[in-house]
PDB file of all heavy atoms in Angstrom:
ATOM      1  N   SER A   1       3.962  -2.597  -3.124  1.00  0.00           N
ATOM      2  CA  SER A   1       2.518  -2.495  -2.910  1.00  0.00           C
ATOM      3  C   SER A   1       1.895  -3.872  -2.910  1.00  0.00           C
ATOM      4  O   SER A   1       0.938  -4.136  -2.184  1.00  0.00           O
ATOM      5  CB  SER A   1       1.930  -1.647  -4.003  1.00  0.00           C
ATOM      6  OG  SER A   1       2.432  -0.287  -4.002  1.00  0.00           O
ATOM      7  N   THR A   2       2.497  -4.768  -3.691  1.00  0.00           N
ATOM      8  CA  THR A   2       1.972  -6.154  -3.710  1.00  0.00           C
ATOM      9  C   THR A   2       2.103  -6.812  -2.346  1.00  0.00           C
ATOM     10  O   THR A   2       1.213  -7.479  -1.837  1.00  0.00           O
ATOM     11  CB  THR A   2       2.716  -6.954  -4.804  1.00  0.00           C
ATOM     12  OG1 THR A   2       2.463  -6.382  -6.107  1.00  0.00           O
ATOM     13  CG2 THR A   2       2.218  -8.383  -4.792  1.00  0.00           C
ATOM     14  N   PHE A   3       3.259  -6.561  -1.771  1.00  0.00           N
ATOM     15  CA  PHE A   3       3.461  -7.170  -0.402  1.00  0.00           C
ATOM     16  C   PHE A   3       2.539  -6.492   0.630  1.00  0.00           C
ATOM     17  O   PHE A   3       2.045  -7.128   1.528  1.00  0.00           O
ATOM     18  CB  PHE A   3       4.888  -7.033   0.056  1.00  0.00           C
ATOM     19  CG  PHE A   3       5.837  -8.049  -0.566  1.00  0.00           C
ATOM     20  CD1 PHE A   3       6.838  -7.622  -1.441  1.00  0.00           C
ATOM     21  CD2 PHE A   3       5.646  -9.341  -0.302  1.00  0.00           C
ATOM     22  CE1 PHE A   3       7.676  -8.569  -1.991  1.00  0.00           C
ATOM     23  CE2 PHE A   3       6.493 -10.348  -0.877  1.00  0.00           C
ATOM     24  CZ  PHE A   3       7.518  -9.921  -1.729  1.00  0.00           C
ATOM     25  N   VAL A   4       2.272  -5.217   0.456  1.00  0.00           N
ATOM     26  CA  VAL A   4       1.301  -4.483   1.355  1.00  0.00           C
ATOM     27  C   VAL A   4      -0.063  -5.123   1.225  1.00  0.00           C
ATOM     28  O   VAL A   4      -0.853  -5.180   2.128  1.00  0.00           O
ATOM     29  CB  VAL A   4       1.262  -2.989   1.105  1.00  0.00           C
ATOM     30  CG1 VAL A   4       0.218  -2.302   1.906  1.00  0.00           C
ATOM     31  CG2 VAL A   4       2.661  -2.367   1.377  1.00  0.00           C
ATOM     32  N   ALA A   5      -0.343  -5.614  -0.027  1.00  0.00           N
ATOM     33  CA  ALA A   5      -1.661  -6.190  -0.278  1.00  0.00           C
ATOM     34  C   ALA A   5      -1.839  -7.661   0.128  1.00  0.00           C
ATOM     35  O   ALA A   5      -2.807  -8.332  -0.206  1.00  0.00           O
ATOM     36  CB  ALA A   5      -1.985  -6.057  -1.784  1.00  0.00           C
ATOM     37  N   LEU A   6      -0.820  -8.155   0.876  1.00  0.00           N
ATOM     38  CA  LEU A   6      -0.837  -9.591   1.279  1.00  0.00           C
ATOM     39  C   LEU A   6      -2.120  -9.980   1.922  1.00  0.00           C
ATOM     40  O   LEU A   6      -2.689 -11.088   1.632  1.00  0.00           O
ATOM     41  CB  LEU A   6       0.355  -9.843   2.188  1.00  0.00           C
ATOM     42  CG  LEU A   6       0.417 -11.261   2.815  1.00  0.00           C
ATOM     43  CD1 LEU A   6       0.556 -12.357   1.695  1.00  0.00           C
ATOM     44  CD2 LEU A   6       1.579 -11.342   3.762  1.00  0.00           C
ATOM     45  N   PRO A   7      -2.693  -9.217   2.887  1.00  0.00           N
ATOM     46  CA  PRO A   7      -3.939  -9.659   3.493  1.00  0.00           C
ATOM     47  C   PRO A   7      -5.068  -9.937   2.501  1.00  0.00           C
ATOM     48  O   PRO A   7      -5.860 -10.852   2.682  1.00  0.00           O
ATOM     49  CB  PRO A   7      -4.307  -8.548   4.458  1.00  0.00           C
ATOM     50  CG  PRO A   7      -3.031  -7.841   4.708  1.00  0.00           C
ATOM     51  CD  PRO A   7      -2.223  -7.970   3.466  1.00  0.00           C
ATOM     52  N   PHE A   8      -5.106  -9.105   1.434  1.00  0.00           N
ATOM     53  CA  PHE A   8      -6.150  -9.281   0.432  1.00  0.00           C
ATOM     54  C   PHE A   8      -5.866 -10.557  -0.396  1.00  0.00           C
ATOM     55  O   PHE A   8      -6.844 -11.254  -0.831  1.00  0.00           O
ATOM     56  CB  PHE A   8      -6.201  -8.081  -0.501  1.00  0.00           C
ATOM     57  CG  PHE A   8      -6.595  -6.823   0.193  1.00  0.00           C
ATOM     58  CD1 PHE A   8      -5.666  -5.910   0.534  1.00  0.00           C
ATOM     59  CD2 PHE A   8      -7.955  -6.520   0.571  1.00  0.00           C
ATOM     60  CE1 PHE A   8      -6.031  -4.693   1.211  1.00  0.00           C
ATOM     61  CE2 PHE A   8      -8.312  -5.426   1.203  1.00  0.00           C
ATOM     62  CZ  PHE A   8      -7.338  -4.473   1.555  1.00  0.00           C
ATOM     63  N   ALA A   9      -4.592 -10.875  -0.600  1.00  0.00           N
ATOM     64  CA  ALA A   9      -4.281 -12.114  -1.309  1.00  0.00           C
ATOM     65  C   ALA A   9      -4.672 -13.342  -0.552  1.00  0.00           C
ATOM     66  O   ALA A   9      -5.176 -14.322  -1.085  1.00  0.00           O
ATOM     67  CB  ALA A   9      -2.759 -12.193  -1.628  1.00  0.00           C
ATOM     68  N   ILE A  10      -4.516 -13.292   0.791  1.00  0.00           N
ATOM     69  CA  ILE A  10      -4.893 -14.391   1.649  1.00  0.00           C
ATOM     70  C   ILE A  10      -6.461 -14.549   1.592  1.00  0.00           C
ATOM     71  O   ILE A  10      -6.970 -15.646   1.462  1.00  0.00           O
ATOM     72  CB  ILE A  10      -4.477 -14.123   3.075  1.00  0.00           C
ATOM     73  CG1 ILE A  10      -2.900 -14.190   3.127  1.00  0.00           C
ATOM     74  CG2 ILE A  10      -5.051 -15.165   4.034  1.00  0.00           C
ATOM     75  CD1 ILE A  10      -2.305 -13.805   4.491  1.00  0.00           C
ATOM     76  N   LEU A  11      -7.178 -13.403   1.637  1.00  0.00           N
ATOM     77  CA  LEU A  11      -8.628 -13.483   1.515  1.00  0.00           C
ATOM     78  C   LEU A  11      -9.013 -14.091   0.175  1.00  0.00           C
ATOM     79  O   LEU A  11     -10.002 -14.871   0.113  1.00  0.00           O
ATOM     80  CB  LEU A  11      -9.235 -12.097   1.629  1.00  0.00           C
ATOM     81  CG  LEU A  11      -9.252 -11.439   3.069  1.00  0.00           C
ATOM     82  CD1 LEU A  11      -9.713 -10.005   2.976  1.00  0.00           C
ATOM     83  CD2 LEU A  11     -10.083 -12.262   4.035  1.00  0.00           C
ATOM     84  N   GLY A  12      -8.321 -13.667  -0.920  1.00  0.00           N
ATOM     85  CA  GLY A  12      -8.640 -14.233  -2.230  1.00  0.00           C
ATOM     86  C   GLY A  12      -8.476 -15.704  -2.282  1.00  0.00           C
ATOM     87  O   GLY A  12      -9.203 -16.368  -3.035  1.00  0.00           O
ATOM     88  N   ALA A  13      -7.490 -16.213  -1.584  1.00  0.00           N
ATOM     89  CA  ALA A  13      -7.274 -17.674  -1.528  1.00  0.00           C
ATOM     90  C   ALA A  13      -8.453 -18.467  -0.963  1.00  0.00           C
ATOM     91  O   ALA A  13      -8.659 -19.639  -1.247  1.00  0.00           O
ATOM     92  CB  ALA A  13      -5.969 -18.002  -0.721  1.00  0.00           C
ATOM     93  N   PHE A  14      -9.266 -17.703  -0.138  1.00  0.00           N
ATOM     94  CA  PHE A  14     -10.445 -18.341   0.421  1.00  0.00           C
ATOM     95  C   PHE A  14     -11.736 -17.919  -0.325  1.00  0.00           C
ATOM     96  O   PHE A  14     -12.819 -18.081   0.178  1.00  0.00           O
ATOM     97  CB  PHE A  14     -10.577 -17.929   1.916  1.00  0.00           C
ATOM     98  CG  PHE A  14      -9.561 -18.599   2.818  1.00  0.00           C
ATOM     99  CD1 PHE A  14      -8.353 -17.971   3.123  1.00  0.00           C
ATOM    100  CD2 PHE A  14      -9.756 -19.879   3.339  1.00  0.00           C
ATOM    101  CE1 PHE A  14      -7.432 -18.570   3.916  1.00  0.00           C
ATOM    102  CE2 PHE A  14      -8.796 -20.483   4.125  1.00  0.00           C
ATOM    103  CZ  PHE A  14      -7.631 -19.850   4.410  1.00  0.00           C
ATOM    104  N   GLY A  15     -11.491 -17.367  -1.497  1.00  0.00           N
ATOM    105  CA  GLY A  15     -12.646 -17.036  -2.333  1.00  0.00           C
ATOM    106  C   GLY A  15     -13.291 -15.723  -2.057  1.00  0.00           C
ATOM    107  O   GLY A  15     -14.351 -15.397  -2.639  1.00  0.00           O
ATOM    108  N   VAL A  16     -12.635 -14.838  -1.244  1.00  0.00           N
ATOM    109  CA  VAL A  16     -13.176 -13.517  -0.920  1.00  0.00           C
ATOM    110  C   VAL A  16     -12.451 -12.494  -1.736  1.00  0.00           C
ATOM    111  O   VAL A  16     -11.281 -12.132  -1.484  1.00  0.00           O
ATOM    112  CB  VAL A  16     -12.996 -13.151   0.575  1.00  0.00           C
ATOM    113  CG1 VAL A  16     -13.575 -11.782   0.875  1.00  0.00           C
ATOM    114  CG2 VAL A  16     -13.712 -14.231   1.458  1.00  0.00           C
ATOM    115  N   HIS A  17     -13.061 -12.033  -2.838  1.00  0.00           N
ATOM    116  CA  HIS A  17     -12.454 -11.136  -3.779  1.00  0.00           C
ATOM    117  C   HIS A  17     -13.088  -9.722  -3.573  1.00  0.00           C
ATOM    118  O   HIS A  17     -14.260  -9.567  -3.529  1.00  0.00           O
ATOM    119  CB  HIS A  17     -12.621 -11.601  -5.225  1.00  0.00           C
ATOM    120  CG  HIS A  17     -11.990 -12.903  -5.458  1.00  0.00           C
ATOM    121  ND1 HIS A  17     -10.666 -13.111  -5.508  1.00  0.00           N
ATOM    122  CD2 HIS A  17     -12.555 -14.149  -5.688  1.00  0.00           C
ATOM    123  CE1 HIS A  17     -10.371 -14.380  -5.759  1.00  0.00           C
ATOM    124  NE2 HIS A  17     -11.529 -15.039  -5.852  1.00  0.00           N
ATOM    125  N   THR A  18     -12.194  -8.720  -3.501  1.00  0.00           N
ATOM    126  CA  THR A  18     -12.630  -7.333  -3.364  1.00  0.00           C
ATOM    127  C   THR A  18     -11.639  -6.385  -4.015  1.00  0.00           C
ATOM    128  O   THR A  18     -10.406  -6.591  -3.858  1.00  0.00           O
ATOM    129  CB  THR A  18     -12.773  -6.979  -1.830  1.00  0.00           C
ATOM    130  OG1 THR A  18     -12.991  -5.563  -1.707  1.00  0.00           O
ATOM    131  CG2 THR A  18     -11.512  -7.356  -1.055  1.00  0.00           C
ATOM    132  N   PRO A  19     -12.166  -5.388  -4.699  1.00  0.00           N
ATOM    133  CA  PRO A  19     -11.256  -4.437  -5.266  1.00  0.00           C
ATOM    134  C   PRO A  19     -10.547  -3.554  -4.325  1.00  0.00           C
ATOM    135  O   PRO A  19      -9.739  -2.687  -4.689  1.00  0.00           O
ATOM    136  CB  PRO A  19     -12.182  -3.603  -6.211  1.00  0.00           C
ATOM    137  CG  PRO A  19     -13.557  -3.787  -5.536  1.00  0.00           C
ATOM    138  CD  PRO A  19     -13.568  -5.145  -4.996  1.00  0.00           C
ATOM    139  N   ALA A  20     -10.845  -3.708  -3.011  1.00  0.00           N
ATOM    140  CA  ALA A  20     -10.224  -2.899  -1.979  1.00  0.00           C
ATOM    141  C   ALA A  20      -8.723  -3.121  -1.940  1.00  0.00           C
ATOM    142  O   ALA A  20      -7.992  -2.295  -1.370  1.00  0.00           O
ATOM    143  CB  ALA A  20     -10.828  -3.213  -0.572  1.00  0.00           C
ATOM    144  N   PHE A  21      -8.246  -4.219  -2.565  1.00  0.00           N
ATOM    145  CA  PHE A  21      -6.798  -4.397  -2.545  1.00  0.00           C
ATOM    146  C   PHE A  21      -6.077  -3.309  -3.275  1.00  0.00           C
ATOM    147  O   PHE A  21      -4.873  -3.093  -3.042  1.00  0.00           O
ATOM    148  CB  PHE A  21      -6.416  -5.808  -3.144  1.00  0.00           C
ATOM    149  CG  PHE A  21      -6.555  -5.869  -4.613  1.00  0.00           C
ATOM    150  CD1 PHE A  21      -5.511  -5.453  -5.439  1.00  0.00           C
ATOM    151  CD2 PHE A  21      -7.660  -6.431  -5.217  1.00  0.00           C
ATOM    152  CE1 PHE A  21      -5.605  -5.541  -6.809  1.00  0.00           C
ATOM    153  CE2 PHE A  21      -7.782  -6.553  -6.561  1.00  0.00           C
ATOM    154  CZ  PHE A  21      -6.724  -6.112  -7.400  1.00  0.00           C
ATOM    155  N   LEU A  22      -6.779  -2.560  -4.135  1.00  0.00           N
ATOM    156  CA  LEU A  22      -6.121  -1.481  -4.835  1.00  0.00           C
ATOM    157  C   LEU A  22      -5.692  -0.343  -3.897  1.00  0.00           C
ATOM    158  O   LEU A  22      -4.831   0.470  -4.228  1.00  0.00           O
ATOM    159  CB  LEU A  22      -7.114  -0.881  -5.897  1.00  0.00           C
ATOM    160  CG  LEU A  22      -7.404  -1.869  -7.061  1.00  0.00           C
ATOM    161  CD1 LEU A  22      -8.478  -1.269  -7.977  1.00  0.00           C
ATOM    162  CD2 LEU A  22      -6.171  -2.275  -7.809  1.00  0.00           C
ATOM    163  N   LEU A  23      -6.312  -0.307  -2.721  1.00  0.00           N
ATOM    164  CA  LEU A  23      -5.884   0.699  -1.680  1.00  0.00           C
ATOM    165  C   LEU A  23      -4.403   0.488  -1.255  1.00  0.00           C
ATOM    166  O   LEU A  23      -3.698   1.427  -0.967  1.00  0.00           O
ATOM    167  CB  LEU A  23      -6.756   0.570  -0.442  1.00  0.00           C
ATOM    168  CG  LEU A  23      -8.211   1.015  -0.627  1.00  0.00           C
ATOM    169  CD1 LEU A  23      -9.022   0.671   0.643  1.00  0.00           C
ATOM    170  CD2 LEU A  23      -8.308   2.469  -0.977  1.00  0.00           C
ATOM    171  N   ALA A  24      -3.981  -0.764  -1.344  1.00  0.00           N
ATOM    172  CA  ALA A  24      -2.531  -1.051  -1.014  1.00  0.00           C
ATOM    173  C   ALA A  24      -1.623  -0.339  -1.995  1.00  0.00           C
ATOM    174  O   ALA A  24      -0.516   0.104  -1.655  1.00  0.00           O
ATOM    175  CB  ALA A  24      -2.288  -2.564  -0.980  1.00  0.00           C
ATOM    176  N   PHE A  25      -2.086  -0.286  -3.278  1.00  0.00           N
ATOM    177  CA  PHE A  25      -1.245   0.352  -4.297  1.00  0.00           C
ATOM    178  C   PHE A  25      -1.291   1.858  -4.201  1.00  0.00           C
ATOM    179  O   PHE A  25      -0.298   2.526  -4.475  1.00  0.00           O
ATOM    180  CB  PHE A  25      -1.630  -0.164  -5.649  1.00  0.00           C
ATOM    181  CG  PHE A  25      -1.346  -1.620  -5.846  1.00  0.00           C
ATOM    182  CD1 PHE A  25      -2.242  -2.601  -5.375  1.00  0.00           C
ATOM    183  CD2 PHE A  25      -0.182  -2.051  -6.411  1.00  0.00           C
ATOM    184  CE1 PHE A  25      -1.948  -3.926  -5.507  1.00  0.00           C
ATOM    185  CE2 PHE A  25       0.152  -3.353  -6.543  1.00  0.00           C
ATOM    186  CZ  PHE A  25      -0.747  -4.333  -6.098  1.00  0.00           C
ATOM    187  N   ALA A  26      -2.392   2.388  -3.688  1.00  0.00           N
ATOM    188  CA  ALA A  26      -2.451   3.830  -3.370  1.00  0.00           C
ATOM    189  C   ALA A  26      -1.548   4.158  -2.216  1.00  0.00           C
ATOM    190  O   ALA A  26      -0.824   5.159  -2.213  1.00  0.00           O
ATOM    191  CB  ALA A  26      -3.892   4.219  -3.036  1.00  0.00           C
ATOM    192  N   ALA A  27      -1.510   3.309  -1.224  1.00  0.00           N
ATOM    193  CA  ALA A  27      -0.655   3.481  -0.057  1.00  0.00           C
ATOM    194  C   ALA A  27       0.801   3.410  -0.525  1.00  0.00           C
ATOM    195  O   ALA A  27       1.661   4.192  -0.052  1.00  0.00           O
ATOM    196  CB  ALA A  27      -0.879   2.465   1.003  1.00  0.00           C
ATOM    197  N   GLY A  28       1.101   2.492  -1.459  1.00  0.00           N
ATOM    198  CA  GLY A  28       2.469   2.389  -1.970  1.00  0.00           C
ATOM    199  C   GLY A  28       2.919   3.651  -2.739  1.00  0.00           C
ATOM    200  O   GLY A  28       4.013   4.093  -2.687  1.00  0.00           O
ATOM    201  N   ALA A  29       1.933   4.261  -3.449  1.00  0.00           N
ATOM    202  CA  ALA A  29       2.230   5.493  -4.140  1.00  0.00           C
ATOM    203  C   ALA A  29       2.540   6.631  -3.208  1.00  0.00           C
ATOM    204  O   ALA A  29       3.518   7.418  -3.404  1.00  0.00           O
ATOM    205  CB  ALA A  29       1.058   5.919  -5.010  1.00  0.00           C
ATOM    206  N   PHE A  30       1.851   6.651  -2.044  1.00  0.00           N
ATOM    207  CA  PHE A  30       2.161   7.634  -1.002  1.00  0.00           C
ATOM    208  C   PHE A  30       3.550   7.364  -0.404  1.00  0.00           C
ATOM    209  O   PHE A  30       4.301   8.286  -0.134  1.00  0.00           O
ATOM    210  CB  PHE A  30       1.138   7.581   0.122  1.00  0.00           C
ATOM    211  CG  PHE A  30       1.345   8.554   1.235  1.00  0.00           C
ATOM    212  CD1 PHE A  30       1.263   9.936   1.012  1.00  0.00           C
ATOM    213  CD2 PHE A  30       1.674   8.078   2.518  1.00  0.00           C
ATOM    214  CE1 PHE A  30       1.527  10.801   2.052  1.00  0.00           C
ATOM    215  CE2 PHE A  30       1.929   8.945   3.574  1.00  0.00           C
ATOM    216  CZ  PHE A  30       1.854  10.348   3.325  1.00  0.00           C
ATOM    217  N   GLY A  31       3.911   6.096  -0.291  1.00  0.00           N
ATOM    218  CA  GLY A  31       5.227   5.738   0.163  1.00  0.00           C
ATOM    219  C   GLY A  31       6.333   6.207  -0.794  1.00  0.00           C
ATOM    220  O   GLY A  31       7.383   6.644  -0.351  1.00  0.00           O
ATOM    221  N   VAL A  32       6.078   6.151  -2.095  1.00  0.00           N
ATOM    222  CA  VAL A  32       7.062   6.698  -3.051  1.00  0.00           C
ATOM    223  C   VAL A  32       7.175   8.204  -2.906  1.00  0.00           C
ATOM    224  O   VAL A  32       8.306   8.718  -2.857  1.00  0.00           O
ATOM    225  CB  VAL A  32       6.535   6.379  -4.505  1.00  0.00           C
ATOM    226  CG1 VAL A  32       7.431   7.195  -5.548  1.00  0.00           C
ATOM    227  CG2 VAL A  32       6.614   4.914  -4.781  1.00  0.00           C
ATOM    228  N   TYR A  33       6.107   8.877  -2.674  1.00  0.00           N
ATOM    229  CA  TYR A  33       6.132  10.329  -2.400  1.00  0.00           C
ATOM    230  C   TYR A  33       6.950  10.637  -1.180  1.00  0.00           C
ATOM    231  O   TYR A  33       7.797  11.573  -1.167  1.00  0.00           O
ATOM    232  CB  TYR A  33       4.694  10.901  -2.225  1.00  0.00           C
ATOM    233  CG  TYR A  33       4.681  12.289  -1.674  1.00  0.00           C
ATOM    234  CD1 TYR A  33       5.014  13.410  -2.482  1.00  0.00           C
ATOM    235  CD2 TYR A  33       4.359  12.528  -0.307  1.00  0.00           C
ATOM    236  CE1 TYR A  33       4.997  14.683  -1.951  1.00  0.00           C
ATOM    237  CE2 TYR A  33       4.366  13.804   0.201  1.00  0.00           C
ATOM    238  CZ  TYR A  33       4.708  14.866  -0.613  1.00  0.00           C
ATOM    239  OH  TYR A  33       4.710  16.147  -0.062  1.00  0.00           O
ATOM    240  N   GLN A  34       6.748   9.909  -0.063  1.00  0.00           N
ATOM    241  CA  GLN A  34       7.539  10.171   1.099  1.00  0.00           C
ATOM    242  C   GLN A  34       8.967   9.779   0.988  1.00  0.00           C
ATOM    243  O   GLN A  34       9.867  10.278   1.698  1.00  0.00           O
ATOM    244  CB  GLN A  34       6.898   9.438   2.315  1.00  0.00           C
ATOM    245  CG  GLN A  34       5.544   9.984   2.720  1.00  0.00           C
ATOM    246  CD  GLN A  34       5.193   9.661   4.164  1.00  0.00           C
ATOM    247  OE1 GLN A  34       5.235   8.505   4.583  1.00  0.00           O
ATOM    248  NE2 GLN A  34       4.849  10.698   4.935  1.00  0.00           N
ATOM    249  N   SER A  35       9.251   8.851   0.050  1.00  0.00           N
ATOM    250  CA  SER A  35      10.625   8.475  -0.198  1.00  0.00           C
ATOM    251  C   SER A  35      11.407   9.496  -0.980  1.00  0.00           C
ATOM    252  O   SER A  35      12.624   9.630  -0.901  1.00  0.00           O
ATOM    253  CB  SER A  35      10.728   7.143  -0.944  1.00  0.00           C
ATOM    254  OG  SER A  35      10.102   6.098  -0.201  1.00  0.00           O
ATOM    255  N   LEU A  36      10.686  10.295  -1.815  1.00  0.00           N
ATOM    256  CA  LEU A  36      11.312  11.243  -2.724  1.00  0.00           C
ATOM    257  C   LEU A  36      11.253  12.681  -2.292  1.00  0.00           C
ATOM    258  O   LEU A  36      11.996  13.568  -2.776  1.00  0.00           O
ATOM    259  CB  LEU A  36      10.732  11.107  -4.144  1.00  0.00           C
ATOM    260  CG  LEU A  36      10.933   9.746  -4.832  1.00  0.00           C
ATOM    261  CD1 LEU A  36      10.193   9.693  -6.131  1.00  0.00           C
ATOM    262  CD2 LEU A  36      12.420   9.449  -5.011  1.00  0.00           C
ATOM    263  N   SER A  37      10.314  12.995  -1.360  1.00  0.00           N
ATOM    264  CA  SER A  37      10.167  14.382  -0.934  1.00  0.00           C
ATOM    265  C   SER A  37      11.033  14.666   0.333  1.00  0.00           C
ATOM    266  O   SER A  37      11.539  13.772   0.930  1.00  0.00           O
ATOM    267  CB  SER A  37       8.687  14.631  -0.613  1.00  0.00           C
ATOM    268  OG  SER A  37       8.207  13.814   0.384  1.00  0.00           O
ATOM    269  N   HIS A  38      11.159  15.959   0.629  1.00  0.00           N
ATOM    270  CA  HIS A  38      11.862  16.297   1.822  1.00  0.00           C
ATOM    271  C   HIS A  38      11.218  17.515   2.520  1.00  0.00           C
ATOM    272  O   HIS A  38      10.497  18.270   1.892  1.00  0.00           O
ATOM    273  CB  HIS A  38      13.319  16.669   1.503  1.00  0.00           C
ATOM    274  CG  HIS A  38      13.451  17.967   0.806  1.00  0.00           C
ATOM    275  ND1 HIS A  38      13.336  18.151  -0.554  1.00  0.00           N
ATOM    276  CD2 HIS A  38      13.754  19.236   1.253  1.00  0.00           C
ATOM    277  CE1 HIS A  38      13.501  19.405  -0.858  1.00  0.00           C
ATOM    278  NE2 HIS A  38      13.740  20.109   0.233  1.00  0.00           N
ATOM    279  N   ARG A  39      11.512  17.617   3.815  1.00  0.00           N
ATOM    280  CA  ARG A  39      11.011  18.739   4.638  1.00  0.00           C
ATOM    281  C   ARG A  39      12.104  19.092   5.639  1.00  0.00           C
ATOM    282  O   ARG A  39      12.521  18.260   6.475  1.00  0.00           O
ATOM    283  CB  ARG A  39       9.752  18.340   5.419  1.00  0.00           C
ATOM    284  CG  ARG A  39       9.191  19.400   6.377  1.00  0.00           C
ATOM    285  CD  ARG A  39       7.890  18.915   6.990  1.00  0.00           C
ATOM    286  NE  ARG A  39       7.301  19.833   7.963  1.00  0.00           N
ATOM    287  CZ  ARG A  39       7.551  19.851   9.261  1.00  0.00           C
ATOM    288  NH1 ARG A  39       8.311  18.875   9.751  1.00  0.00           N
ATOM    289  NH2 ARG A  39       6.953  20.681  10.073  1.00  0.00           N
ATOM    290  N   LEU A  40      12.592  20.340   5.580  1.00  0.00           N
ATOM    291  CA  LEU A  40      13.669  20.740   6.439  1.00  0.00           C
ATOM    292  C   LEU A  40      13.134  20.968   7.881  1.00  0.00           C
ATOM    293  O   LEU A  40      12.095  21.608   8.066  1.00  0.00           O
ATOM    294  CB  LEU A  40      14.328  22.015   5.959  1.00  0.00           C
ATOM    295  CG  LEU A  40      14.969  21.903   4.538  1.00  0.00           C
ATOM    296  CD1 LEU A  40      15.594  23.237   4.160  1.00  0.00           C
ATOM    297  CD2 LEU A  40      15.976  20.765   4.485  1.00  0.00           C
ATOM    298  N   GLU A  41      13.834  20.469   8.895  1.00  0.00           N
ATOM    299  CA  GLU A  41      13.402  20.571  10.264  1.00  0.00           C
ATOM    300  C   GLU A  41      14.578  21.026  11.195  1.00  0.00           C
ATOM    301  O   GLU A  41      15.751  20.901  10.808  1.00  0.00           O
ATOM    302  CB  GLU A  41      12.946  19.202  10.808  1.00  0.00           C
ATOM    303  CG  GLU A  41      11.781  18.609  10.029  1.00  0.00           C
ATOM    304  CD  GLU A  41      11.420  17.234  10.616  1.00  0.00           C
ATOM    305  OE1 GLU A  41      12.332  16.387  10.680  1.00  0.00           O
ATOM    306  OE2 GLU A  41      10.207  16.980  10.921  1.00  0.00           O
ATOM    307  N   VAL A  42      14.191  21.522  12.355  1.00  0.00           N
ATOM    308  CA  VAL A  42      15.113  21.862  13.372  1.00  0.00           C
ATOM    309  C   VAL A  42      14.772  20.968  14.592  1.00  0.00           C
ATOM    310  O   VAL A  42      13.643  20.885  14.978  1.00  0.00           O
ATOM    311  CB  VAL A  42      15.077  23.358  13.824  1.00  0.00           C
ATOM    312  CG1 VAL A  42      15.952  23.615  15.020  1.00  0.00           C
ATOM    313  CG2 VAL A  42      15.406  24.227  12.652  1.00  0.00           C
ATOM    314  N   VAL A  43      15.791  20.302  15.130  1.00  0.00           N
ATOM    315  CA  VAL A  43      15.589  19.423  16.281  1.00  0.00           C
ATOM    316  C   VAL A  43      16.481  19.921  17.426  1.00  0.00           C
ATOM    317  O   VAL A  43      17.734  20.019  17.214  1.00  0.00           O
ATOM    318  CB  VAL A  43      15.897  17.953  15.964  1.00  0.00           C
ATOM    319  CG1 VAL A  43      15.659  17.035  17.170  1.00  0.00           C
ATOM    320  CG2 VAL A  43      15.081  17.486  14.782  1.00  0.00           C
TER     321      VAL A  43
END
C-alpha cells in the first residue's frame, strides 16, 4: 500500500499534505481480499 501511495509521497515532498493517501491503504486491503478469496468460473 505504501508503494501505491507513491503519488501522495511525491506531493508531500512539495509541501502538499493530504489524508487522501489513506485511500491507498484501503485499496491495498481490497487487494488482500482479492488475493485470498476465490470465485469458481466456467470458461
